[in-house]
Amino acid sequence: MGDKDKAERLAAKLRENLRRRKAQARDIDGAKQERTPPPATPAPRPPE
């Protein structure tokens, strides 16, 4: 049963690591969006 317990602990650690990395990625992405100014829109062209 030791191998099964070890595999379960490893799986739990991997899931926690994945959750943590996803949270970090969301935080980084959110920070980038806050700092990035919106794209400039071109001025409308006058009718010819």
PDB file of N, CA and C in Angstrom:
ATOM      1  N   MET A   1       0.824  -1.206   0.000  1.00  0.00           N
ATOM      2  CA  MET A   1       0.000   0.000   0.000  1.00  0.00           C
ATOM      3  C   MET A   1       0.864   1.264   0.000  1.00  0.00           C
ATOM      4  N   GLY A   2       2.137   1.161   0.269  1.00  0.00           N
ATOM      5  CA  GLY A   2       3.006   2.326   0.333  1.00  0.00           C
ATOM      6  C   GLY A   2       3.098   3.049  -1.005  1.00  0.00           C
ATOM      7  N   ASP A   3       3.143   2.271  -2.098  1.00  0.00           N
ATOM      8  CA  ASP A   3       3.241   2.893  -3.416  1.00  0.00           C
ATOM      9  C   ASP A   3       1.980   3.682  -3.740  1.00  0.00           C
ATOM     10  N   LYS A   4       0.830   3.144  -3.334  1.00  0.00           N
ATOM     11  CA  LYS A   4      -0.436   3.831  -3.613  1.00  0.00           C
ATOM     12  C   LYS A   4      -0.504   5.148  -2.830  1.00  0.00           C
ATOM     13  N   ASP A   5      -0.099   5.109  -1.563  1.00  0.00           N
ATOM     14  CA  ASP A   5      -0.098   6.328  -0.747  1.00  0.00           C
ATOM     15  C   ASP A   5       0.854   7.364  -1.333  1.00  0.00           C
ATOM     16  N   LYS A   6       2.011   6.908  -1.780  1.00  0.00           N
ATOM     17  CA  LYS A   6       2.991   7.825  -2.357  1.00  0.00           C
ATOM     18  C   LYS A   6       2.436   8.467  -3.633  1.00  0.00           C
ATOM     19  N   ALA A   7       1.784   7.669  -4.457  1.00  0.00           N
ATOM     20  CA  ALA A   7       1.207   8.185  -5.699  1.00  0.00           C
ATOM     21  C   ALA A   7       0.104   9.196  -5.402  1.00  0.00           C
ATOM     22  N   GLU A   8      -0.703   8.926  -4.377  1.00  0.00           N
ATOM     23  CA  GLU A   8      -1.774   9.857  -4.014  1.00  0.00           C
ATOM     24  C   GLU A   8      -1.193  11.175  -3.496  1.00  0.00           C
ATOM     25  N   ARG A   9      -0.138  11.093  -2.685  1.00  0.00           N
ATOM     26  CA  ARG A   9       0.502  12.321  -2.187  1.00  0.00           C
ATOM     27  C   ARG A   9       1.107  13.119  -3.332  1.00  0.00           C
ATOM     28  N   LEU A  10       1.757  12.426  -4.264  1.00  0.00           N
ATOM     29  CA  LEU A  10       2.345  13.096  -5.416  1.00  0.00           C
ATOM     30  C   LEU A  10       1.260  13.771  -6.256  1.00  0.00           C
ATOM     31  N   ALA A  11       0.167  13.084  -6.498  1.00  0.00           N
ATOM     32  CA  ALA A  11      -0.931  13.655  -7.285  1.00  0.00           C
ATOM     33  C   ALA A  11      -1.495  14.899  -6.595  1.00  0.00           C
ATOM     34  N   ALA A  12      -1.634  14.839  -5.276  1.00  0.00           N
ATOM     35  CA  ALA A  12      -2.140  15.997  -4.540  1.00  0.00           C
ATOM     36  C   ALA A  12      -1.171  17.171  -4.642  1.00  0.00           C
ATOM     37  N   LYS A  13       0.121  16.903  -4.523  1.00  0.00           N
ATOM     38  CA  LYS A  13       1.127  17.969  -4.647  1.00  0.00           C
ATOM     39  C   LYS A  13       1.092  18.580  -6.045  1.00  0.00           C
ATOM     40  N   LEU A  14       0.963  17.739  -7.066  1.00  0.00           N
ATOM     41  CA  LEU A  14       0.922  18.240  -8.437  1.00  0.00           C
ATOM     42  C   LEU A  14      -0.316  19.110  -8.667  1.00  0.00           C
ATOM     43  N   ARG A  15      -1.470  18.689  -8.132  1.00  0.00           N
ATOM     44  CA  ARG A  15      -2.688  19.499  -8.275  1.00  0.00           C
ATOM     45  C   ARG A  15      -2.526  20.850  -7.596  1.00  0.00           C
ATOM     46  N   GLU A  16      -1.949  20.858  -6.394  1.00  0.00           N
ATOM     47  CA  GLU A  16      -1.732  22.112  -5.668  1.00  0.00           C
ATOM     48  C   GLU A  16      -0.766  23.014  -6.430  1.00  0.00           C
ATOM     49  N   ASN A  17       0.286  22.444  -6.967  1.00  0.00           N
ATOM     50  CA  ASN A  17       1.252  23.212  -7.746  1.00  0.00           C
ATOM     51  C   ASN A  17       0.566  23.835  -8.967  1.00  0.00           C
ATOM     52  N   LEU A  18      -0.269  23.067  -9.644  1.00  0.00           N
ATOM     53  CA  LEU A  18      -0.977  23.575 -10.812  1.00  0.00           C
ATOM     54  C   LEU A  18      -1.898  24.729 -10.427  1.00  0.00           C
ATOM     55  N   ARG A  19      -2.627  24.582  -9.319  1.00  0.00           N
ATOM     56  CA  ARG A  19      -3.511  25.663  -8.848  1.00  0.00           C
ATOM     57  C   ARG A  19      -2.702  26.928  -8.565  1.00  0.00           C
ATOM     58  N   ARG A  20      -1.574  26.760  -7.901  1.00  0.00           N
ATOM     59  CA  ARG A  20      -0.738  27.906  -7.548  1.00  0.00           C
ATOM     60  C   ARG A  20      -0.203  28.602  -8.806  1.00  0.00           C
ATOM     61  N   ARG A  21       0.255  27.818  -9.771  1.00  0.00           N
ATOM     62  CA  ARG A  21       0.793  28.402 -11.000  1.00  0.00           C
ATOM     63  C   ARG A  21      -0.291  29.112 -11.803  1.00  0.00           C
ATOM     64  N   LYS A  22      -1.493  28.551 -11.825  1.00  0.00           N
ATOM     65  CA  LYS A  22      -2.597  29.214 -12.529  1.00  0.00           C
ATOM     66  C   LYS A  22      -2.944  30.538 -11.858  1.00  0.00           C
ATOM     67  N   ALA A  23      -2.937  30.546 -10.532  1.00  0.00           N
ATOM     68  CA  ALA A  23      -3.233  31.784  -9.801  1.00  0.00           C
ATOM     69  C   ALA A  23      -2.162  32.831 -10.090  1.00  0.00           C
ATOM     70  N   GLN A  24      -0.900  32.425 -10.121  1.00  0.00           N
ATOM     71  CA  GLN A  24       0.185  33.354 -10.437  1.00  0.00           C
ATOM     72  C   GLN A  24       0.023  33.900 -11.851  1.00  0.00           C
ATOM     73  N   ALA A  25      -0.339  33.042 -12.790  1.00  0.00           N
ATOM     74  CA  ALA A  25      -0.511  33.476 -14.174  1.00  0.00           C
ATOM     75  C   ALA A  25      -1.652  34.481 -14.267  1.00  0.00           C
ATOM     76  N   ARG A  26      -2.749  34.240 -13.543  1.00  0.00           N
ATOM     77  CA  ARG A  26      -3.862  35.200 -13.547  1.00  0.00           C
ATOM     78  C   ARG A  26      -3.423  36.531 -12.964  1.00  0.00           C
ATOM     79  N   ASP A  27      -2.650  36.503 -11.877  1.00  0.00           N
ATOM     80  CA  ASP A  27      -2.165  37.744 -11.262  1.00  0.00           C
ATOM     81  C   ASP A  27      -1.258  38.507 -12.219  1.00  0.00           C
ATOM     82  N   ILE A  28      -0.366  37.803 -12.884  1.00  0.00           N
ATOM     83  CA  ILE A  28       0.557  38.451 -13.814  1.00  0.00           C
ATOM     84  C   ILE A  28      -0.224  39.032 -14.986  1.00  0.00           C
ATOM     85  N   ASP A  29      -1.172  38.275 -15.516  1.00  0.00           N
ATOM     86  CA  ASP A  29      -1.961  38.738 -16.654  1.00  0.00           C
ATOM     87  C   ASP A  29      -2.781  39.962 -16.254  1.00  0.00           C
ATOM     88  N   GLY A  30      -3.352  39.946 -15.064  1.00  0.00           N
ATOM     89  CA  GLY A  30      -4.126  41.091 -14.590  1.00  0.00           C
ATOM     90  C   GLY A  30      -3.263  42.320 -14.431  1.00  0.00           C
ATOM     91  N   ALA A  31      -2.056  42.153 -13.948  1.00  0.00           N
ATOM     92  CA  ALA A  31      -1.142  43.288 -13.780  1.00  0.00           C
ATOM     93  C   ALA A  31      -0.752  43.864 -15.134  1.00  0.00           C
ATOM     94  N   LYS A  32      -0.550  43.018 -16.125  1.00  0.00           N
ATOM     95  CA  LYS A  32      -0.197  43.497 -17.462  1.00  0.00           C
ATOM     96  C   LYS A  32      -1.344  44.312 -18.042  1.00  0.00           C
ATOM     97  N   GLN A  33      -2.575  43.848 -17.848  1.00  0.00           N
ATOM     98  CA  GLN A  33      -3.725  44.553 -18.401  1.00  0.00           C
ATOM     99  C   GLN A  33      -3.893  45.910 -17.737  1.00  0.00           C
ATOM    100  N   GLU A  34      -3.580  46.015 -16.451  1.00  0.00           N
ATOM    101  CA  GLU A  34      -3.713  47.290 -15.753  1.00  0.00           C
ATOM    102  C   GLU A  34      -2.695  48.299 -16.268  1.00  0.00           C
ATOM    103  N   ARG A  35      -1.485  47.846 -16.590  1.00  0.00           N
ATOM    104  CA  ARG A  35      -0.423  48.752 -17.017  1.00  0.00           C
ATOM    105  C   ARG A  35      -0.497  49.101 -18.489  1.00  0.00           C
ATOM    106  N   THR A  36      -1.081  48.238 -19.299  1.00  0.00           N
ATOM    107  CA  THR A  36      -1.105  48.446 -20.741  1.00  0.00           C
ATOM    108  C   THR A  36      -2.214  49.429 -21.100  1.00  0.00           C
ATOM    109  N   PRO A  37      -1.861  50.535 -21.744  1.00  0.00           N
ATOM    110  CA  PRO A  37      -2.917  51.469 -22.155  1.00  0.00           C
ATOM    111  C   PRO A  37      -3.742  50.858 -23.287  1.00  0.00           C
ATOM    112  N   PRO A  38      -4.966  51.279 -23.419  1.00  0.00           N
ATOM    113  CA  PRO A  38      -5.784  50.727 -24.505  1.00  0.00           C
ATOM    114  C   PRO A  38      -5.198  51.132 -25.852  1.00  0.00           C
ATOM    115  N   PRO A  39      -5.401  50.326 -26.861  1.00  0.00           N
ATOM    116  CA  PRO A  39      -4.842  50.664 -28.168  1.00  0.00           C
ATOM    117  C   PRO A  39      -5.467  51.953 -28.702  1.00  0.00           C
ATOM    118  N   ALA A  40      -4.665  52.738 -29.369  1.00  0.00           N
ATOM    119  CA  ALA A  40      -5.151  53.990 -29.932  1.00  0.00           C
ATOM    120  C   ALA A  40      -6.045  53.686 -31.129  1.00  0.00           C
ATOM    121  N   THR A  41      -7.146  54.400 -31.204  1.00  0.00           N
ATOM    122  CA  THR A  41      -8.036  54.217 -32.352  1.00  0.00           C
ATOM    123  C   THR A  41      -7.758  55.345 -33.332  1.00  0.00           C
ATOM    124  N   PRO A  42      -7.676  55.019 -34.597  1.00  0.00           N
ATOM    125  CA  PRO A  42      -7.405  56.070 -35.582  1.00  0.00           C
ATOM    126  C   PRO A  42      -8.587  57.036 -35.672  1.00  0.00           C
ATOM    127  N   ALA A  43      -8.275  58.274 -35.988  1.00  0.00           N
ATOM    128  CA  ALA A  43      -9.318  59.284 -36.151  1.00  0.00           C
ATOM    129  C   ALA A  43     -10.123  58.952 -37.390  1.00  0.00           C
ATOM    130  N   PRO A  44     -11.425  59.199 -37.334  1.00  0.00           N
ATOM    131  CA  PRO A  44     -12.238  58.896 -38.539  1.00  0.00           C
ATOM    132  C   PRO A  44     -11.808  59.799 -39.708  1.00  0.00           C
ATOM    133  N   ARG A  45     -11.816  59.228 -40.868  1.00  0.00           N
ATOM    134  CA  ARG A  45     -11.421  59.991 -42.067  1.00  0.00           C
ATOM    135  C   ARG A  45     -12.584  60.831 -42.553  1.00  0.00           C
ATOM    136  N   PRO A  46     -12.317  62.042 -42.961  1.00  0.00           N
ATOM    137  CA  PRO A  46     -13.426  62.873 -43.486  1.00  0.00           C
ATOM    138  C   PRO A  46     -13.912  62.313 -44.819  1.00  0.00           C
ATOM    139  N   PRO A  47     -15.155  62.508 -45.081  1.00  0.00           N
ATOM    140  CA  PRO A  47     -15.690  62.007 -46.379  1.00  0.00           C
ATOM    141  C   PRO A  47     -15.015  62.743 -47.530  1.00  0.00           C
ATOM    142  N   GLU A  48     -14.799  62.019 -48.589  1.00  0.00           N
ATOM    143  CA  GLU A  48     -14.131  62.617 -49.749  1.00  0.00           C
ATOM    144  C   GLU A  48     -15.101  63.179 -50.739  1.00  0.00           C
TER     145      GLU A  48
END
